[in-house]
Amino acid sequence: MDMNQCKRGGDLLISSHGTVFKYIGKDTSNICREMYPHEIMNNKTKARCTRTDDGFVFKFKRHPDDEDIIDFLRKSNSSK
C-alpha cells in the first residue's frame, strides 16, 4: 500500500481488520509528521490518527494486531 496515491479529503481506506477510514491528507509540518505524515479518520467513530507512507501504524516494532491500511477505494468524482 502506498498512501501517497490517496487523494486528500475523501478516499476510503480499508484496514487489515476491515475498518473503513477516510483519508484526510498529508501533513509534514512537524518532526512526528515526517514519520507518520498521513492523517486518516475512522468513518464510524470520527477519531483521527496517522499512518506511515506504507499504511502502517508504526514505522518500527510492528504488531500483528495493528490496524494497518491494506487497500483504498478511490472516491468517485461525480461533480465534474
PDB file of N, CA and C in Angstrom:
ATOM      1  N   MET A   1       0.845  -1.190   0.000  1.00  0.00           N
ATOM      2  CA  MET A   1       0.000   0.000   0.000  1.00  0.00           C
ATOM      3  C   MET A   1       0.881   1.240   0.000  1.00  0.00           C
ATOM      4  N   ASP A   2       0.624   2.148  -0.899  1.00  0.00           N
ATOM      5  CA  ASP A   2       1.351   3.419  -0.942  1.00  0.00           C
ATOM      6  C   ASP A   2       0.351   4.537  -0.661  1.00  0.00           C
ATOM      7  N   MET A   3       0.415   5.088   0.546  1.00  0.00           N
ATOM      8  CA  MET A   3      -0.530   6.126   0.965  1.00  0.00           C
ATOM      9  C   MET A   3      -0.382   7.404   0.133  1.00  0.00           C
ATOM     10  N   ASN A   4       0.752   7.572  -0.546  1.00  0.00           N
ATOM     11  CA  ASN A   4       0.951   8.753  -1.384  1.00  0.00           C
ATOM     12  C   ASN A   4       0.025   8.769  -2.601  1.00  0.00           C
ATOM     13  N   GLN A   5      -0.602   7.639  -2.922  1.00  0.00           N
ATOM     14  CA  GLN A   5      -1.548   7.558  -4.031  1.00  0.00           C
ATOM     15  C   GLN A   5      -2.927   8.084  -3.650  1.00  0.00           C
ATOM     16  N   CYS A   6      -3.184   8.232  -2.365  1.00  0.00           N
ATOM     17  CA  CYS A   6      -4.508   8.641  -1.893  1.00  0.00           C
ATOM     18  C   CYS A   6      -4.760  10.117  -2.158  1.00  0.00           C
ATOM     19  N   LYS A   7      -6.004  10.434  -2.453  1.00  0.00           N
ATOM     20  CA  LYS A   7      -6.418  11.808  -2.703  1.00  0.00           C
ATOM     21  C   LYS A   7      -6.910  12.446  -1.412  1.00  0.00           C
ATOM     22  N   ARG A   8      -6.464  13.670  -1.165  1.00  0.00           N
ATOM     23  CA  ARG A   8      -6.834  14.431   0.033  1.00  0.00           C
ATOM     24  C   ARG A   8      -8.354  14.596   0.128  1.00  0.00           C
ATOM     25  N   GLY A   9      -8.845  14.350   1.337  1.00  0.00           N
ATOM     26  CA  GLY A   9     -10.237  14.662   1.639  1.00  0.00           C
ATOM     27  C   GLY A   9     -11.293  13.716   1.119  1.00  0.00           C
ATOM     28  N   GLY A  10     -11.008  12.431   1.032  1.00  0.00           N
ATOM     29  CA  GLY A  10     -12.119  11.605   0.615  1.00  0.00           C
ATOM     30  C   GLY A  10     -11.904  10.157   0.277  1.00  0.00           C
ATOM     31  N   ASP A  11     -10.719   9.739  -0.168  1.00  0.00           N
ATOM     32  CA  ASP A  11     -10.550   8.323  -0.492  1.00  0.00           C
ATOM     33  C   ASP A  11     -10.836   7.485   0.748  1.00  0.00           C
ATOM     34  N   LEU A  12     -11.501   6.350   0.540  1.00  0.00           N
ATOM     35  CA  LEU A  12     -11.795   5.438   1.638  1.00  0.00           C
ATOM     36  C   LEU A  12     -10.684   4.411   1.740  1.00  0.00           C
ATOM     37  N   LEU A  13     -10.267   4.138   2.966  1.00  0.00           N
ATOM     38  CA  LEU A  13      -9.178   3.208   3.238  1.00  0.00           C
ATOM     39  C   LEU A  13      -9.711   2.008   4.003  1.00  0.00           C
ATOM     40  N   ILE A  14      -9.196   0.839   3.700  1.00  0.00           N
ATOM     41  CA  ILE A  14      -9.601  -0.388   4.373  1.00  0.00           C
ATOM     42  C   ILE A  14      -8.434  -0.888   5.209  1.00  0.00           C
ATOM     43  N   SER A  15      -8.699  -1.137   6.497  1.00  0.00           N
ATOM     44  CA  SER A  15      -7.633  -1.623   7.382  1.00  0.00           C
ATOM     45  C   SER A  15      -7.570  -3.145   7.342  1.00  0.00           C
ATOM     46  N   SER A  16      -6.526  -3.678   7.928  1.00  0.00           N
ATOM     47  CA  SER A  16      -6.347  -5.133   7.977  1.00  0.00           C
ATOM     48  C   SER A  16      -7.430  -5.802   8.824  1.00  0.00           C
ATOM     49  N   HIS A  17      -8.175  -5.036   9.624  1.00  0.00           N
ATOM     50  CA  HIS A  17      -9.272  -5.572  10.434  1.00  0.00           C
ATOM     51  C   HIS A  17     -10.634  -5.302   9.802  1.00  0.00           C
ATOM     52  N   GLY A  18     -10.640  -4.678   8.620  1.00  0.00           N
ATOM     53  CA  GLY A  18     -11.883  -4.395   7.929  1.00  0.00           C
ATOM     54  C   GLY A  18     -12.512  -3.054   8.279  1.00  0.00           C
ATOM     55  N   THR A  19     -11.860  -2.256   9.105  1.00  0.00           N
ATOM     56  CA  THR A  19     -12.373  -0.939   9.464  1.00  0.00           C
ATOM     57  C   THR A  19     -12.217   0.006   8.273  1.00  0.00           C
ATOM     58  N   VAL A  20     -13.212   0.856   8.068  1.00  0.00           N
ATOM     59  CA  VAL A  20     -13.160   1.827   6.982  1.00  0.00           C
ATOM     60  C   VAL A  20     -12.712   3.176   7.540  1.00  0.00           C
ATOM     61  N   PHE A  21     -11.686   3.738   6.917  1.00  0.00           N
ATOM     62  CA  PHE A  21     -11.167   5.048   7.286  1.00  0.00           C
ATOM     63  C   PHE A  21     -11.321   5.984   6.092  1.00  0.00           C
ATOM     64  N   LYS A  22     -11.284   7.274   6.347  1.00  0.00           N
ATOM     65  CA  LYS A  22     -11.298   8.287   5.294  1.00  0.00           C
ATOM     66  C   LYS A  22      -9.941   8.976   5.302  1.00  0.00           C
ATOM     67  N   TYR A  23      -9.360   9.150   4.126  1.00  0.00           N
ATOM     68  CA  TYR A  23      -8.070   9.827   4.021  1.00  0.00           C
ATOM     69  C   TYR A  23      -8.282  11.327   4.143  1.00  0.00           C
ATOM     70  N   ILE A  24      -7.645  11.940   5.144  1.00  0.00           N
ATOM     71  CA  ILE A  24      -7.772  13.376   5.376  1.00  0.00           C
ATOM     72  C   ILE A  24      -6.735  14.137   4.550  1.00  0.00           C
ATOM     73  N   GLY A  25      -5.485  13.709   4.621  1.00  0.00           N
ATOM     74  CA  GLY A  25      -4.448  14.372   3.846  1.00  0.00           C
ATOM     75  C   GLY A  25      -3.070  14.147   4.431  1.00  0.00           C
ATOM     76  N   LYS A  26      -2.084  14.724   3.779  1.00  0.00           N
ATOM     77  CA  LYS A  26      -0.697  14.579   4.184  1.00  0.00           C
ATOM     78  C   LYS A  26      -0.225  15.878   4.830  1.00  0.00           C
ATOM     79  N   ASP A  27       0.491  15.740   5.942  1.00  0.00           N
ATOM     80  CA  ASP A  27       0.985  16.910   6.669  1.00  0.00           C
ATOM     81  C   ASP A  27       2.381  16.595   7.193  1.00  0.00           C
ATOM     82  N   THR A  28       3.359  17.357   6.790  1.00  0.00           N
ATOM     83  CA  THR A  28       4.739  17.163   7.263  1.00  0.00           C
ATOM     84  C   THR A  28       5.213  18.397   8.026  1.00  0.00           C
ATOM     85  N   SER A  29       4.302  19.042   8.748  1.00  0.00           N
ATOM     86  CA  SER A  29       4.624  20.309   9.408  1.00  0.00           C
ATOM     87  C   SER A  29       5.459  20.174  10.675  1.00  0.00           C
ATOM     88  N   ASN A  30       5.586  18.983  11.230  1.00  0.00           N
ATOM     89  CA  ASN A  30       6.446  18.818  12.404  1.00  0.00           C
ATOM     90  C   ASN A  30       7.193  17.492  12.326  1.00  0.00           C
ATOM     91  N   ILE A  31       8.100  17.281  13.249  1.00  0.00           N
ATOM     92  CA  ILE A  31       9.003  16.117  13.212  1.00  0.00           C
ATOM     93  C   ILE A  31       8.250  14.790  13.263  1.00  0.00           C
ATOM     94  N   CYS A  32       7.207  14.713  14.062  1.00  0.00           N
ATOM     95  CA  CYS A  32       6.422  13.478  14.156  1.00  0.00           C
ATOM     96  C   CYS A  32       5.737  13.175  12.830  1.00  0.00           C
ATOM     97  N   ARG A  33       5.276  14.219  12.156  1.00  0.00           N
ATOM     98  CA  ARG A  33       4.585  14.037  10.877  1.00  0.00           C
ATOM     99  C   ARG A  33       5.526  13.585   9.768  1.00  0.00           C
ATOM    100  N   GLU A  34       6.826  13.742   9.958  1.00  0.00           N
ATOM    101  CA  GLU A  34       7.764  13.237   8.952  1.00  0.00           C
ATOM    102  C   GLU A  34       7.755  11.716   8.935  1.00  0.00           C
ATOM    103  N   MET A  35       7.554  11.086  10.108  1.00  0.00           N
ATOM    104  CA  MET A  35       7.477   9.623  10.184  1.00  0.00           C
ATOM    105  C   MET A  35       6.074   9.111   9.880  1.00  0.00           C
ATOM    106  N   TYR A  36       5.061   9.878  10.288  1.00  0.00           N
ATOM    107  CA  TYR A  36       3.657   9.489  10.135  1.00  0.00           C
ATOM    108  C   TYR A  36       2.896  10.628   9.453  1.00  0.00           C
ATOM    109  N   PRO A  37       3.140  10.862   8.172  1.00  0.00           N
ATOM    110  CA  PRO A  37       2.617  12.064   7.526  1.00  0.00           C
ATOM    111  C   PRO A  37       1.153  12.003   7.087  1.00  0.00           C
ATOM    112  N   HIS A  38       0.541  10.842   7.103  1.00  0.00           N
ATOM    113  CA  HIS A  38      -0.803  10.707   6.548  1.00  0.00           C
ATOM    114  C   HIS A  38      -1.860  10.681   7.652  1.00  0.00           C
ATOM    115  N   GLU A  39      -2.761  11.642   7.618  1.00  0.00           N
ATOM    116  CA  GLU A  39      -3.831  11.692   8.608  1.00  0.00           C
ATOM    117  C   GLU A  39      -5.071  11.021   8.035  1.00  0.00           C
ATOM    118  N   ILE A  40      -5.677  10.153   8.853  1.00  0.00           N
ATOM    119  CA  ILE A  40      -6.879   9.438   8.454  1.00  0.00           C
ATOM    120  C   ILE A  40      -7.915   9.568   9.564  1.00  0.00           C
ATOM    121  N   MET A  41      -9.172   9.262   9.221  1.00  0.00           N
ATOM    122  CA  MET A  41     -10.248   9.344  10.202  1.00  0.00           C
ATOM    123  C   MET A  41     -11.104   8.087  10.115  1.00  0.00           C
ATOM    124  N   ASN A  42     -11.404   7.517  11.283  1.00  0.00           N
ATOM    125  CA  ASN A  42     -12.278   6.358  11.355  1.00  0.00           C
ATOM    126  C   ASN A  42     -13.684   6.814  10.966  1.00  0.00           C
ATOM    127  N   ASN A  43     -14.277   6.191   9.960  1.00  0.00           N
ATOM    128  CA  ASN A  43     -15.594   6.611   9.469  1.00  0.00           C
ATOM    129  C   ASN A  43     -16.690   6.450  10.516  1.00  0.00           C
ATOM    130  N   LYS A  44     -16.554   5.480  11.401  1.00  0.00           N
ATOM    131  CA  LYS A  44     -17.596   5.216  12.394  1.00  0.00           C
ATOM    132  C   LYS A  44     -17.451   6.103  13.626  1.00  0.00           C
ATOM    133  N   THR A  45     -16.242   6.167  14.195  1.00  0.00           N
ATOM    134  CA  THR A  45     -16.034   6.897  15.455  1.00  0.00           C
ATOM    135  C   THR A  45     -15.599   8.345  15.250  1.00  0.00           C
ATOM    136  N   LYS A  46     -15.176   8.681  14.031  1.00  0.00           N
ATOM    137  CA  LYS A  46     -14.652  10.017  13.679  1.00  0.00           C
ATOM    138  C   LYS A  46     -13.325  10.334  14.374  1.00  0.00           C
ATOM    139  N   ALA A  47     -12.688   9.334  14.969  1.00  0.00           N
ATOM    140  CA  ALA A  47     -11.378   9.522  15.599  1.00  0.00           C
ATOM    141  C   ALA A  47     -10.315   9.657  14.518  1.00  0.00           C
ATOM    142  N   ARG A  48      -9.395  10.602  14.720  1.00  0.00           N
ATOM    143  CA  ARG A  48      -8.319  10.829  13.758  1.00  0.00           C
ATOM    144  C   ARG A  48      -7.030  10.185  14.263  1.00  0.00           C
ATOM    145  N   CYS A  49      -6.225   9.700  13.308  1.00  0.00           N
ATOM    146  CA  CYS A  49      -4.924   9.115  13.638  1.00  0.00           C
ATOM    147  C   CYS A  49      -4.024   9.268  12.422  1.00  0.00           C
ATOM    148  N   THR A  50      -2.797   8.794  12.524  1.00  0.00           N
ATOM    149  CA  THR A  50      -1.836   8.937  11.436  1.00  0.00           C
ATOM    150  C   THR A  50      -1.278   7.582  11.023  1.00  0.00           C
ATOM    151  N   ARG A  51      -0.702   7.549   9.809  1.00  0.00           N
ATOM    152  CA  ARG A  51      -0.078   6.341   9.285  1.00  0.00           C
ATOM    153  C   ARG A  51       1.198   6.721   8.530  1.00  0.00           C
ATOM    154  N   THR A  52       2.058   5.718   8.347  1.00  0.00           N
ATOM    155  CA  THR A  52       3.289   5.898   7.579  1.00  0.00           C
ATOM    156  C   THR A  52       2.953   5.925   6.086  1.00  0.00           C
ATOM    157  N   ASP A  53       3.959   6.187   5.245  1.00  0.00           N
ATOM    158  CA  ASP A  53       3.750   6.188   3.790  1.00  0.00           C
ATOM    159  C   ASP A  53       3.244   4.845   3.288  1.00  0.00           C
ATOM    160  N   ASP A  54       3.623   3.761   3.958  1.00  0.00           N
ATOM    161  CA  ASP A  54       3.180   2.441   3.507  1.00  0.00           C
ATOM    162  C   ASP A  54       1.935   1.938   4.244  1.00  0.00           C
ATOM    163  N   GLY A  55       1.259   2.826   4.993  1.00  0.00           N
ATOM    164  CA  GLY A  55      -0.015   2.481   5.609  1.00  0.00           C
ATOM    165  C   GLY A  55       0.068   1.832   6.971  1.00  0.00           C
ATOM    166  N   PHE A  56       1.255   1.760   7.554  1.00  0.00           N
ATOM    167  CA  PHE A  56       1.418   1.100   8.844  1.00  0.00           C
ATOM    168  C   PHE A  56       1.157   2.045  10.010  1.00  0.00           C
ATOM    169  N   VAL A  57       0.735   1.458  11.135  1.00  0.00           N
ATOM    170  CA  VAL A  57       0.514   2.210  12.366  1.00  0.00           C
ATOM    171  C   VAL A  57       1.849   2.690  12.918  1.00  0.00           C
ATOM    172  N   PHE A  58       2.836   1.789  12.961  1.00  0.00           N
ATOM    173  CA  PHE A  58       4.156   2.107  13.495  1.00  0.00           C
ATOM    174  C   PHE A  58       5.216   1.877  12.430  1.00  0.00           C
ATOM    175  N   LYS A  59       6.222   2.726  12.406  1.00  0.00           N
ATOM    176  CA  LYS A  59       7.317   2.565  11.456  1.00  0.00           C
ATOM    177  C   LYS A  59       8.193   1.369  11.847  1.00  0.00           C
ATOM    178  N   PHE A  60       8.399   1.186  13.160  1.00  0.00           N
ATOM    179  CA  PHE A  60       9.221   0.094  13.678  1.00  0.00           C
ATOM    180  C   PHE A  60       8.403  -0.704  14.696  1.00  0.00           C
ATOM    181  N   LYS A  61       8.864  -1.898  15.014  1.00  0.00           N
ATOM    182  CA  LYS A  61       8.214  -2.764  16.016  1.00  0.00           C
ATOM    183  C   LYS A  61       6.725  -2.933  15.736  1.00  0.00           C
ATOM    184  N   ARG A  62       6.422  -3.367  14.547  1.00  0.00           N
ATOM    185  CA  ARG A  62       5.037  -3.563  14.148  1.00  0.00           C
ATOM    186  C   ARG A  62       4.444  -4.782  14.837  1.00  0.00           C
ATOM    187  N   HIS A  63       3.149  -4.732  15.085  1.00  0.00           N
ATOM    188  CA  HIS A  63       2.436  -5.807  15.766  1.00  0.00           C
ATOM    189  C   HIS A  63       1.372  -6.393  14.845  1.00  0.00           C
ATOM    190  N   PRO A  64       1.110  -7.691  14.949  1.00  0.00           N
ATOM    191  CA  PRO A  64       0.110  -8.315  14.071  1.00  0.00           C
ATOM    192  C   PRO A  64      -1.302  -7.780  14.286  1.00  0.00           C
ATOM    193  N   ASP A  65      -1.598  -7.237  15.461  1.00  0.00           N
ATOM    194  CA  ASP A  65      -2.957  -6.754  15.724  1.00  0.00           C
ATOM    195  C   ASP A  65      -3.148  -5.272  15.396  1.00  0.00           C
ATOM    196  N   ASP A  66      -2.126  -4.614  14.812  1.00  0.00           N
ATOM    197  CA  ASP A  66      -2.263  -3.217  14.389  1.00  0.00           C
ATOM    198  C   ASP A  66      -3.243  -3.112  13.220  1.00  0.00           C
ATOM    199  N   GLU A  67      -3.973  -2.011  13.160  1.00  0.00           N
ATOM    200  CA  GLU A  67      -4.905  -1.789  12.050  1.00  0.00           C
ATOM    201  C   GLU A  67      -4.199  -1.056  10.922  1.00  0.00           C
ATOM    202  N   ASP A  68      -3.326  -1.777  10.247  1.00  0.00           N
ATOM    203  CA  ASP A  68      -2.598  -1.213   9.117  1.00  0.00           C
ATOM    204  C   ASP A  68      -3.542  -1.084   7.922  1.00  0.00           C
ATOM    205  N   ILE A  69      -3.281  -0.088   7.082  1.00  0.00           N
ATOM    206  CA  ILE A  69      -4.092   0.116   5.884  1.00  0.00           C
ATOM    207  C   ILE A  69      -3.599  -0.836   4.798  1.00  0.00           C
ATOM    208  N   ILE A  70      -4.523  -1.584   4.217  1.00  0.00           N
ATOM    209  CA  ILE A  70      -4.137  -2.570   3.209  1.00  0.00           C
ATOM    210  C   ILE A  70      -4.655  -2.251   1.810  1.00  0.00           C
ATOM    211  N   ASP A  71      -5.663  -1.369   1.714  1.00  0.00           N
ATOM    212  CA  ASP A  71      -6.213  -1.039   0.404  1.00  0.00           C
ATOM    213  C   ASP A  71      -6.985   0.272   0.492  1.00  0.00           C
ATOM    214  N   PHE A  72      -7.242   0.871  -0.664  1.00  0.00           N
ATOM    215  CA  PHE A  72      -8.059   2.081  -0.682  1.00  0.00           C
ATOM    216  C   PHE A  72      -9.020   2.052  -1.866  1.00  0.00           C
ATOM    217  N   LEU A  73     -10.116   2.771  -1.700  1.00  0.00           N
ATOM    218  CA  LEU A  73     -11.120   2.898  -2.747  1.00  0.00           C
ATOM    219  C   LEU A  73     -11.157   4.345  -3.161  1.00  0.00           C
ATOM    220  N   ARG A  74     -10.920   4.615  -4.430  1.00  0.00           N
ATOM    221  CA  ARG A  74     -10.898   5.985  -4.935  1.00  0.00           C
ATOM    222  C   ARG A  74     -12.287   6.577  -4.833  1.00  0.00           C
ATOM    223  N   LYS A  75     -12.380   7.747  -4.233  1.00  0.00           N
ATOM    224  CA  LYS A  75     -13.663   8.456  -4.149  1.00  0.00           C
ATOM    225  C   LYS A  75     -14.063   8.854  -5.566  1.00  0.00           C
ATOM    226  N   SER A  76     -15.307   8.581  -5.936  1.00  0.00           N
ATOM    227  CA  SER A  76     -15.750   8.933  -7.284  1.00  0.00           C
ATOM    228  C   SER A  76     -15.820  10.440  -7.432  1.00  0.00           C
ATOM    229  N   ASN A  77     -15.507  10.895  -8.626  1.00  0.00           N
ATOM    230  CA  ASN A  77     -15.502  12.323  -8.907  1.00  0.00           C
ATOM    231  C   ASN A  77     -16.702  12.625  -9.796  1.00  0.00           C
ATOM    232  N   SER A  78     -17.891  12.554  -9.199  1.00  0.00           N
ATOM    233  CA  SER A  78     -19.127  12.698  -9.987  1.00  0.00           C
ATOM    234  C   SER A  78     -19.540  14.147 -10.184  1.00  0.00           C
ATOM    235  N   SER A  79     -18.848  15.093  -9.547  1.00  0.00           N
ATOM    236  CA  SER A  79     -19.242  16.503  -9.658  1.00  0.00           C
ATOM    237  C   SER A  79     -18.371  17.242 -10.660  1.00  0.00           C
ATOM    238  N   LYS A  80     -18.285  16.742 -11.894  1.00  0.00           N
ATOM    239  CA  LYS A  80     -17.480  17.395 -12.943  1.00  0.00           C
ATOM    240  C   LYS A  80     -18.258  18.471 -13.623  1.00  0.00           C
TER     241      LYS A  80
END
